[in-house]
């Protein structure tokens, strides 16, 4: 009987594991958002400098950075949503999945 008790974690250990998992997912999502924001900000500043040197009749080149950035962010949020739906709390996974859908829509809207 004691062997069976050693194999299954108690309720407190399961809650601690779920809390640590949620914290890691939150940190990963925040890091991904900050990376996309920094890249898009730097690209926007670079485009402002480049547009001041162009003539009025020239067409600016297509900028795929927003599409790629928001697409990668939607993918990262989607993967964490699937992980949370599989092994974590269902509510957090549903929220992540909703954010993934909004990011995917925003990615499609920023398509040039």
N, C-alpha and C. Protein backbone atom coordinates (compact mmCIF):
# COMPACT_ATOMS: atom_id res chain seq x y z
N UNK A 1 0.82 -1.18 0.00
CA UNK A 1 0.00 0.00 0.00
C UNK A 1 0.86 1.25 0.00
N UNK A 2 1.98 1.23 0.70
CA UNK A 2 2.85 2.41 0.73
C UNK A 2 3.53 2.63 -0.61
N UNK A 3 3.72 1.57 -1.40
CA UNK A 3 4.31 1.74 -2.73
C UNK A 3 3.36 2.52 -3.64
N UNK A 4 2.06 2.26 -3.52
CA UNK A 4 1.08 2.96 -4.32
C UNK A 4 1.04 4.44 -3.96
N UNK A 5 1.17 4.77 -2.70
CA UNK A 5 1.16 6.16 -2.24
C UNK A 5 2.40 6.90 -2.71
N UNK A 6 3.52 6.20 -2.85
CA UNK A 6 4.75 6.85 -3.31
C UNK A 6 4.70 7.18 -4.79
N UNK A 7 3.92 6.47 -5.57
CA UNK A 7 3.89 6.68 -7.02
C UNK A 7 3.03 7.87 -7.42
N UNK A 8 1.98 8.18 -6.66
CA UNK A 8 1.09 9.28 -7.01
C UNK A 8 1.40 10.50 -6.15
N UNK A 9 1.56 11.68 -6.79
CA UNK A 9 1.81 12.87 -5.97
C UNK A 9 0.55 13.29 -5.22
N UNK A 10 0.76 13.93 -4.12
CA UNK A 10 -0.38 14.40 -3.34
C UNK A 10 -0.99 15.62 -4.01
N UNK A 11 -2.13 16.07 -3.49
CA UNK A 11 -2.82 17.22 -4.07
C UNK A 11 -1.98 18.49 -3.99
N UNK A 12 -1.23 18.65 -2.91
CA UNK A 12 -0.39 19.83 -2.76
C UNK A 12 0.75 19.85 -3.76
N UNK A 13 1.34 18.69 -4.02
CA UNK A 13 2.43 18.62 -5.00
C UNK A 13 1.92 18.86 -6.41
N UNK A 14 0.73 18.36 -6.73
CA UNK A 14 0.15 18.58 -8.04
C UNK A 14 -0.17 20.06 -8.25
N UNK A 15 -0.67 20.72 -7.21
CA UNK A 15 -0.97 22.14 -7.31
C UNK A 15 0.31 22.95 -7.48
N UNK A 16 1.37 22.56 -6.78
CA UNK A 16 2.65 23.25 -6.91
C UNK A 16 3.22 23.07 -8.32
N UNK A 17 3.11 21.87 -8.85
CA UNK A 17 3.59 21.61 -10.21
C UNK A 17 2.79 22.42 -11.23
N UNK A 18 1.47 22.47 -11.09
CA UNK A 18 0.64 23.25 -11.99
C UNK A 18 0.95 24.74 -11.88
N UNK A 19 1.19 25.23 -10.68
CA UNK A 19 1.54 26.63 -10.50
C UNK A 19 2.87 26.98 -11.14
N UNK A 20 3.84 26.10 -11.00
CA UNK A 20 5.15 26.33 -11.63
C UNK A 20 5.03 26.30 -13.15
N UNK A 21 4.20 25.39 -13.67
CA UNK A 21 3.99 25.31 -15.11
C UNK A 21 3.34 26.59 -15.63
N UNK A 22 2.33 27.07 -14.91
CA UNK A 22 1.67 28.31 -15.33
C UNK A 22 2.63 29.50 -15.29
N UNK A 23 3.49 29.54 -14.29
CA UNK A 23 4.47 30.61 -14.20
C UNK A 23 5.45 30.57 -15.36
N UNK A 24 5.92 29.39 -15.70
CA UNK A 24 6.84 29.25 -16.83
C UNK A 24 6.17 29.65 -18.15
N UNK A 25 4.92 29.27 -18.33
CA UNK A 25 4.20 29.65 -19.55
C UNK A 25 4.02 31.16 -19.61
N UNK A 26 3.69 31.76 -18.50
CA UNK A 26 3.52 33.21 -18.45
C UNK A 26 4.83 33.93 -18.77
N UNK A 27 5.93 33.48 -18.21
CA UNK A 27 7.23 34.09 -18.48
C UNK A 27 7.60 33.92 -19.95
N UNK A 28 7.34 32.74 -20.53
CA UNK A 28 7.66 32.51 -21.94
C UNK A 28 6.82 33.40 -22.84
N UNK A 29 5.54 33.57 -22.53
CA UNK A 29 4.69 34.43 -23.35
C UNK A 29 5.10 35.89 -23.24
N UNK A 30 5.43 36.34 -22.05
CA UNK A 30 5.88 37.72 -21.88
C UNK A 30 7.18 37.97 -22.63
N UNK A 31 8.09 37.01 -22.59
CA UNK A 31 9.35 37.14 -23.32
C UNK A 31 9.10 37.20 -24.82
N UNK A 32 8.19 36.38 -25.32
CA UNK A 32 7.87 36.40 -26.76
C UNK A 32 7.24 37.73 -27.16
N UNK A 33 6.34 38.24 -26.34
CA UNK A 33 5.70 39.54 -26.64
C UNK A 33 6.75 40.66 -26.64
N UNK A 34 7.62 40.67 -25.65
CA UNK A 34 8.66 41.71 -25.60
C UNK A 34 9.60 41.63 -26.80
N UNK A 35 9.94 40.43 -27.22
CA UNK A 35 10.81 40.27 -28.38
C UNK A 35 10.15 40.82 -29.64
N UNK A 36 8.88 40.50 -29.84
CA UNK A 36 8.17 41.00 -31.02
C UNK A 36 8.03 42.52 -30.96
N UNK A 37 7.71 43.07 -29.80
CA UNK A 37 7.58 44.52 -29.68
C UNK A 37 8.90 45.22 -29.96
N UNK A 38 10.00 44.70 -29.43
CA UNK A 38 11.31 45.32 -29.66
C UNK A 38 11.68 45.27 -31.13
N UNK A 39 11.49 44.11 -31.76
CA UNK A 39 11.84 43.97 -33.17
C UNK A 39 11.00 44.91 -34.03
N UNK A 40 9.70 44.97 -33.79
CA UNK A 40 8.85 45.84 -34.59
C UNK A 40 9.14 47.31 -34.35
N UNK A 41 9.50 47.67 -33.14
CA UNK A 41 9.85 49.07 -32.84
C UNK A 41 11.13 49.47 -33.57
N UNK A 42 12.12 48.60 -33.51
CA UNK A 42 13.39 48.91 -34.19
C UNK A 42 13.17 48.97 -35.69
N UNK A 43 12.37 48.05 -36.23
CA UNK A 43 12.09 48.08 -37.67
C UNK A 43 11.34 49.35 -38.05
N UNK A 44 10.40 49.78 -37.21
CA UNK A 44 9.65 51.00 -37.49
C UNK A 44 10.54 52.23 -37.47
N UNK A 45 11.47 52.28 -36.52
CA UNK A 45 12.40 53.41 -36.48
C UNK A 45 13.31 53.41 -37.71
N UNK A 46 13.74 52.23 -38.12
CA UNK A 46 14.58 52.13 -39.31
C UNK A 46 13.83 52.54 -40.56
N UNK A 47 12.56 52.21 -40.64
CA UNK A 47 11.76 52.60 -41.81
C UNK A 47 11.51 54.10 -41.83
N UNK A 48 11.39 54.71 -40.64
CA UNK A 48 11.20 56.16 -40.60
C UNK A 48 12.44 56.87 -41.13
N UNK A 49 13.63 56.38 -40.77
CA UNK A 49 14.86 56.97 -41.27
C UNK A 49 15.01 56.75 -42.77
N UNK A 50 14.64 55.58 -43.24
CA UNK A 50 14.77 55.28 -44.66
C UNK A 50 13.76 56.05 -45.48
N UNK A 51 12.56 56.29 -44.94
CA UNK A 51 11.54 57.01 -45.70
C UNK A 51 11.87 58.48 -45.84
N UNK A 52 12.67 59.03 -44.94
CA UNK A 52 13.03 60.43 -45.07
C UNK A 52 14.03 60.63 -46.20
N UNK A 53 14.73 59.58 -46.60
CA UNK A 53 15.71 59.68 -47.69
C UNK A 53 15.11 59.35 -49.04
N UNK A 54 13.88 58.84 -49.10
CA UNK A 54 13.26 58.48 -50.37
C UNK A 54 12.61 59.69 -51.00
N UNK A 55 12.46 59.61 -52.31
CA UNK A 55 11.77 60.69 -53.02
C UNK A 55 10.26 60.48 -52.89
N UNK A 56 9.50 61.47 -53.30
CA UNK A 56 8.06 61.42 -53.13
C UNK A 56 7.41 60.40 -54.07
N UNK A 57 8.03 60.08 -55.18
CA UNK A 57 7.42 59.17 -56.14
C UNK A 57 7.80 57.71 -55.92
N UNK A 58 8.78 57.45 -55.07
CA UNK A 58 9.21 56.07 -54.87
C UNK A 58 8.25 55.35 -53.92
N UNK A 59 8.05 54.07 -54.17
CA UNK A 59 7.16 53.25 -53.36
C UNK A 59 8.00 52.53 -52.31
N UNK A 60 7.60 52.60 -51.04
CA UNK A 60 8.39 51.91 -50.02
C UNK A 60 8.29 50.39 -50.21
N UNK A 61 9.34 49.67 -49.88
CA UNK A 61 9.29 48.22 -50.04
C UNK A 61 8.33 47.58 -49.01
N UNK A 62 7.86 46.40 -49.36
CA UNK A 62 6.96 45.69 -48.44
C UNK A 62 7.70 45.32 -47.16
N UNK A 63 7.02 45.46 -46.05
CA UNK A 63 7.60 45.11 -44.76
C UNK A 63 6.87 43.89 -44.21
N UNK A 64 7.58 42.77 -44.20
CA UNK A 64 7.00 41.52 -43.73
C UNK A 64 7.24 41.31 -42.24
N UNK A 65 7.92 42.20 -41.58
CA UNK A 65 8.24 42.03 -40.16
C UNK A 65 6.99 41.92 -39.29
N UNK A 66 5.96 42.75 -39.47
CA UNK A 66 4.77 42.59 -38.62
C UNK A 66 4.07 41.24 -38.82
N UNK A 67 4.00 40.80 -40.07
CA UNK A 67 3.34 39.53 -40.34
C UNK A 67 4.12 38.38 -39.69
N UNK A 68 5.42 38.39 -39.87
CA UNK A 68 6.24 37.33 -39.29
C UNK A 68 6.26 37.39 -37.77
N UNK A 69 6.35 38.60 -37.23
CA UNK A 69 6.39 38.76 -35.77
C UNK A 69 5.09 38.32 -35.11
N UNK A 70 3.97 38.82 -35.62
CA UNK A 70 2.69 38.44 -35.02
C UNK A 70 2.35 36.99 -35.31
N UNK A 71 2.78 36.47 -36.46
CA UNK A 71 2.56 35.06 -36.75
C UNK A 71 3.34 34.15 -35.80
N UNK A 72 4.59 34.51 -35.55
CA UNK A 72 5.40 33.73 -34.60
C UNK A 72 4.83 33.82 -33.20
N UNK A 73 4.35 34.99 -32.83
CA UNK A 73 3.74 35.16 -31.51
C UNK A 73 2.46 34.34 -31.40
N UNK A 74 1.64 34.33 -32.46
CA UNK A 74 0.42 33.52 -32.45
C UNK A 74 0.76 32.04 -32.35
N UNK A 75 1.81 31.63 -33.03
CA UNK A 75 2.23 30.23 -32.96
C UNK A 75 2.69 29.86 -31.54
N UNK A 76 3.48 30.74 -30.92
CA UNK A 76 3.96 30.47 -29.56
C UNK A 76 2.80 30.41 -28.57
N UNK A 77 1.87 31.32 -28.69
CA UNK A 77 0.71 31.33 -27.79
C UNK A 77 -0.17 30.10 -28.06
N UNK A 78 -0.29 29.71 -29.32
CA UNK A 78 -1.08 28.52 -29.65
C UNK A 78 -0.47 27.25 -29.08
N UNK A 79 0.85 27.14 -29.16
CA UNK A 79 1.52 25.95 -28.61
C UNK A 79 1.34 25.90 -27.09
N UNK A 80 1.49 27.03 -26.43
CA UNK A 80 1.30 27.03 -24.98
C UNK A 80 -0.16 26.75 -24.62
N UNK A 81 -1.09 27.18 -25.48
CA UNK A 81 -2.51 26.88 -25.24
C UNK A 81 -2.77 25.39 -25.32
N UNK A 82 -2.18 24.74 -26.31
CA UNK A 82 -2.36 23.30 -26.43
C UNK A 82 -1.73 22.57 -25.24
N UNK A 83 -0.56 23.02 -24.82
CA UNK A 83 0.09 22.40 -23.65
C UNK A 83 -0.78 22.58 -22.41
N UNK A 84 -1.31 23.76 -22.22
CA UNK A 84 -2.15 24.01 -21.05
C UNK A 84 -3.45 23.22 -21.12
N UNK A 85 -4.02 23.08 -22.30
CA UNK A 85 -5.24 22.30 -22.42
C UNK A 85 -4.98 20.82 -22.16
N UNK A 86 -3.78 20.34 -22.50
CA UNK A 86 -3.47 18.92 -22.31
C UNK A 86 -3.12 18.60 -20.85
N UNK A 87 -2.27 19.42 -20.22
CA UNK A 87 -1.78 19.04 -18.90
C UNK A 87 -2.06 20.07 -17.81
N UNK A 88 -2.55 21.23 -18.17
CA UNK A 88 -2.76 22.26 -17.17
C UNK A 88 -4.23 22.53 -16.94
N UNK A 89 -4.51 23.63 -16.29
CA UNK A 89 -5.90 24.00 -16.07
C UNK A 89 -6.58 24.38 -17.39
N UNK A 90 -7.77 23.93 -17.59
CA UNK A 90 -8.49 24.14 -18.84
C UNK A 90 -8.83 25.62 -19.08
N UNK A 91 -9.09 26.35 -18.01
CA UNK A 91 -9.45 27.76 -18.16
C UNK A 91 -8.27 28.56 -18.73
N UNK A 92 -7.09 28.32 -18.22
CA UNK A 92 -5.91 29.03 -18.72
C UNK A 92 -5.63 28.66 -20.16
N UNK A 93 -5.83 27.40 -20.52
CA UNK A 93 -5.65 26.97 -21.91
C UNK A 93 -6.66 27.62 -22.83
N UNK A 94 -7.91 27.76 -22.37
CA UNK A 94 -8.94 28.41 -23.18
C UNK A 94 -8.62 29.89 -23.39
N UNK A 95 -8.12 30.55 -22.36
CA UNK A 95 -7.73 31.96 -22.50
C UNK A 95 -6.57 32.09 -23.49
N UNK A 96 -5.58 31.22 -23.38
CA UNK A 96 -4.45 31.24 -24.30
C UNK A 96 -4.93 30.99 -25.73
N UNK A 97 -5.86 30.06 -25.91
CA UNK A 97 -6.37 29.76 -27.24
C UNK A 97 -7.13 30.95 -27.82
N UNK A 98 -7.86 31.67 -26.98
CA UNK A 98 -8.56 32.88 -27.43
C UNK A 98 -7.55 33.94 -27.85
N UNK A 99 -6.49 34.12 -27.07
CA UNK A 99 -5.44 35.07 -27.46
C UNK A 99 -4.78 34.66 -28.77
N UNK A 100 -4.60 33.37 -28.98
CA UNK A 100 -4.02 32.87 -30.21
C UNK A 100 -4.90 33.23 -31.41
N UNK A 101 -6.21 33.08 -31.26
CA UNK A 101 -7.13 33.42 -32.35
C UNK A 101 -7.07 34.92 -32.64
N UNK A 102 -7.05 35.76 -31.61
CA UNK A 102 -6.96 37.21 -31.83
C UNK A 102 -5.65 37.59 -32.50
N UNK A 103 -4.55 36.96 -32.10
CA UNK A 103 -3.26 37.24 -32.74
C UNK A 103 -3.24 36.77 -34.19
N UNK A 104 -3.86 35.64 -34.46
CA UNK A 104 -3.92 35.15 -35.84
C UNK A 104 -4.74 36.09 -36.72
N UNK A 105 -5.84 36.61 -36.18
CA UNK A 105 -6.64 37.58 -36.93
C UNK A 105 -5.85 38.86 -37.17
N UNK A 106 -5.13 39.32 -36.15
CA UNK A 106 -4.30 40.52 -36.30
C UNK A 106 -3.19 40.29 -37.32
N UNK A 107 -2.63 39.09 -37.35
CA UNK A 107 -1.61 38.76 -38.33
C UNK A 107 -2.18 38.84 -39.74
N UNK A 108 -3.36 38.28 -39.93
CA UNK A 108 -3.99 38.33 -41.25
C UNK A 108 -4.36 39.75 -41.65
N UNK A 109 -4.72 40.58 -40.68
CA UNK A 109 -5.07 41.97 -40.99
C UNK A 109 -3.83 42.79 -41.34
N UNK A 110 -2.66 42.42 -40.85
CA UNK A 110 -1.45 43.17 -41.15
C UNK A 110 -0.74 42.63 -42.39
N UNK A 111 -1.34 41.67 -43.08
CA UNK A 111 -0.77 41.11 -44.30
C UNK A 111 -0.74 42.20 -45.37
N UNK A 112 0.42 42.41 -46.00
CA UNK A 112 0.48 43.50 -47.01
C UNK A 112 -0.26 43.17 -48.28
